[in-house]
Amino acid sequence: MEFNQEVLIAAPREKVWEFIWSVEEFAACVPGVTGVEKVDDTHYGVTVEQKISFLKAKFNLQIEVVEQRAPEFIRTAGEGKDSKIAASLKQANVVTLEAISEGETKVVIQSRVDVFGKLGSLGFSVIKNQANKIFKEFAMNLKAKLE
């Protein structure tokens, strides 16, 4: 499944970039993230809990920063499992920061998520609705921290 989202932040691009690299603070903006562990400069362990339809999933994700160009581009990849509900996922994200003006930044997030197991059986529309809900809350949290 592919998702493309964007949010306009009333903050300079460099400030948004710095915030993204405050990984714990940035991750706290994502609904369902309950833990972040920095392994090294490009690898992170992230725990995410989500309720989707009638299933509650808890994924222990291994995230890698694959590529970055400060202050405008980050590409990540990750995967994780929830053995309790026999589900797994793989994800890839591209985050682009576009300076609209000195005080405004457009954050564009392109994501590809592949969900397997019981969670994957719920179907595209159920998962997409949950993903859209998560992004809206994430965007509100991000704006609250940066504006």
Protein backbone atom coordinates (compact mmCIF):
# COMPACT_ATOMS: atom_id res chain seq x y z
CA MET A 1 0.00 0.00 0.00
CA GLU A 2 1.21 3.48 -0.80
CA PHE A 3 0.39 6.64 1.11
CA ASN A 4 1.28 10.21 0.21
CA GLN A 5 0.66 12.94 2.76
CA GLU A 6 1.76 16.51 3.29
CA VAL A 7 1.50 19.14 5.99
CA LEU A 8 2.44 22.82 6.01
CA ILE A 9 4.41 23.87 9.11
CA ALA A 10 4.84 27.53 10.09
CA ALA A 11 8.55 27.09 10.86
CA PRO A 12 11.81 27.41 8.89
CA ARG A 13 13.02 24.26 7.11
CA GLU A 14 16.20 24.08 9.25
CA LYS A 15 14.11 24.06 12.45
CA VAL A 16 11.92 21.24 11.09
CA TRP A 17 15.05 19.29 10.05
CA GLU A 18 16.59 19.66 13.53
CA PHE A 19 13.35 18.50 15.13
CA ILE A 20 13.25 15.36 12.98
CA TRP A 21 16.73 14.47 14.28
CA SER A 22 15.54 14.86 17.86
CA VAL A 23 14.30 11.35 17.24
CA GLU A 24 12.59 10.79 20.59
CA GLU A 25 10.68 14.09 20.34
CA PHE A 26 9.77 13.50 16.70
CA ALA A 27 8.62 9.94 17.40
CA ALA A 28 6.45 11.23 20.25
CA CYS A 29 4.39 13.04 17.59
CA VAL A 30 3.46 9.71 15.96
CA PRO A 31 0.35 8.18 17.55
CA GLY A 32 1.01 4.72 18.93
CA VAL A 33 4.78 5.01 19.31
CA THR A 34 5.54 3.77 22.81
CA GLY A 35 9.32 3.48 22.64
CA VAL A 36 12.38 4.54 20.64
CA GLU A 37 15.92 3.24 21.05
CA LYS A 38 18.84 4.64 19.11
CA VAL A 39 21.13 1.80 18.05
CA ASP A 40 23.58 4.00 16.14
CA ASP A 41 23.43 7.07 13.88
CA THR A 42 21.35 5.29 11.22
CA HIS A 43 19.50 2.50 13.09
CA TYR A 44 16.63 2.73 15.55
CA GLY A 45 14.38 0.33 17.38
CA VAL A 46 10.80 1.60 17.56
CA THR A 47 7.83 0.07 19.36
CA VAL A 48 4.43 0.90 17.90
CA GLU A 49 1.03 -0.12 19.20
CA GLN A 50 -2.11 0.31 17.08
CA LYS A 51 -5.68 -0.90 17.22
CA ILE A 52 -6.95 -1.55 13.72
CA SER A 53 -10.52 -2.74 13.49
CA PHE A 54 -10.79 -5.59 16.04
CA LEU A 55 -7.03 -6.30 16.18
CA LYS A 56 -4.52 -4.73 18.52
CA ALA A 57 -0.99 -4.91 17.15
CA LYS A 58 2.33 -4.21 18.83
CA PHE A 59 5.24 -4.05 16.41
CA ASN A 60 8.90 -3.94 17.33
CA LEU A 61 10.32 -2.21 14.28
CA GLN A 62 13.93 -1.99 13.17
CA ILE A 63 14.28 1.28 11.23
CA GLU A 64 17.28 2.27 9.12
CA VAL A 65 18.02 5.73 7.73
CA VAL A 66 19.07 4.69 4.24
CA GLU A 67 19.79 8.11 2.76
CA GLN A 68 19.70 11.75 3.79
CA ARG A 69 20.47 15.16 2.35
CA ALA A 70 20.31 17.90 4.96
CA PRO A 71 18.04 19.82 5.29
CA GLU A 72 15.67 18.48 2.66
CA PHE A 73 15.47 14.69 2.27
CA ILE A 74 15.39 11.49 4.34
CA ARG A 75 14.72 7.94 3.16
CA THR A 76 14.10 5.19 5.71
CA ALA A 77 13.29 1.50 5.58
CA GLY A 78 12.12 -0.81 8.30
CA GLU A 79 10.37 -3.97 9.26
CA GLY A 80 8.88 -5.58 12.30
CA LYS A 81 6.68 -8.33 13.67
CA ASP A 82 3.92 -8.89 16.16
CA SER A 83 4.15 -12.59 17.00
CA LYS A 84 1.08 -12.42 19.26
CA ILE A 85 -1.29 -11.80 16.33
CA ALA A 86 0.95 -13.38 13.67
CA ALA A 87 1.47 -10.18 11.70
CA SER A 88 4.44 -8.46 10.15
CA LEU A 89 5.11 -5.36 8.13
CA LYS A 90 7.72 -3.77 5.92
CA GLN A 91 7.79 -0.07 5.33
CA ALA A 92 9.73 2.54 3.39
CA ASN A 93 9.39 6.29 3.78
CA VAL A 94 10.67 9.29 1.92
CA VAL A 95 10.37 12.61 3.76
CA THR A 96 10.98 15.80 1.80
CA LEU A 97 11.16 19.24 3.40
CA GLU A 98 10.36 22.05 0.98
CA ALA A 99 11.01 25.65 2.06
CA ILE A 100 7.88 27.57 1.00
CA SER A 101 9.25 30.78 2.55
CA GLU A 102 11.71 31.69 5.31
CA GLY A 103 9.08 30.77 7.91
CA GLU A 104 7.10 27.98 6.22
CA THR A 105 8.01 24.41 5.35
CA LYS A 106 6.00 21.83 3.46
CA VAL A 107 6.64 18.33 4.81
CA VAL A 108 5.85 15.67 2.21
CA ILE A 109 5.79 12.02 3.33
CA GLN A 110 5.63 9.20 0.82
CA SER A 111 5.21 5.79 2.41
CA ARG A 112 4.98 2.24 1.19
CA VAL A 113 3.72 -0.26 3.73
CA ASP A 114 3.31 -3.99 3.17
CA VAL A 115 1.30 -5.76 5.87
CA PHE A 116 1.25 -9.54 6.22
CA GLY A 117 -0.62 -12.06 8.35
CA LYS A 118 -3.86 -11.39 10.21
CA LEU A 119 -3.46 -7.63 9.94
CA GLY A 120 -2.98 -7.88 6.19
CA SER A 121 -6.24 -9.78 5.89
CA LEU A 122 -8.23 -6.73 7.06
CA GLY A 123 -7.97 -5.17 3.62
CA PHE A 124 -6.69 -1.99 2.08
CA SER A 125 -9.59 0.32 2.99
CA VAL A 126 -9.50 -0.52 6.72
CA ILE A 127 -5.74 -0.03 6.93
CA LYS A 128 -5.80 3.12 4.77
CA ASN A 129 -8.49 4.70 6.99
CA GLN A 130 -6.38 4.01 10.09
CA ALA A 131 -3.24 5.35 8.37
CA ASN A 132 -5.05 8.57 7.42
CA LYS A 133 -6.29 8.99 11.00
CA ILE A 134 -2.75 8.47 12.34
CA PHE A 135 -1.30 10.99 9.89
CA LYS A 136 -3.86 13.67 10.79
CA GLU A 137 -3.03 13.30 14.47
CA PHE A 138 0.71 13.25 13.69
CA ALA A 139 0.38 16.47 11.66
CA MET A 140 -1.47 18.19 14.53
CA ASN A 141 1.19 17.04 17.02
CA LEU A 142 4.02 18.19 14.75
CA LYS A 143 2.45 21.62 14.26
CA ALA A 144 1.92 21.95 18.02
CA LYS A 145 5.64 21.26 18.68
CA LEU A 146 7.05 23.48 15.94
CA GLU A 147 4.71 26.43 15.52
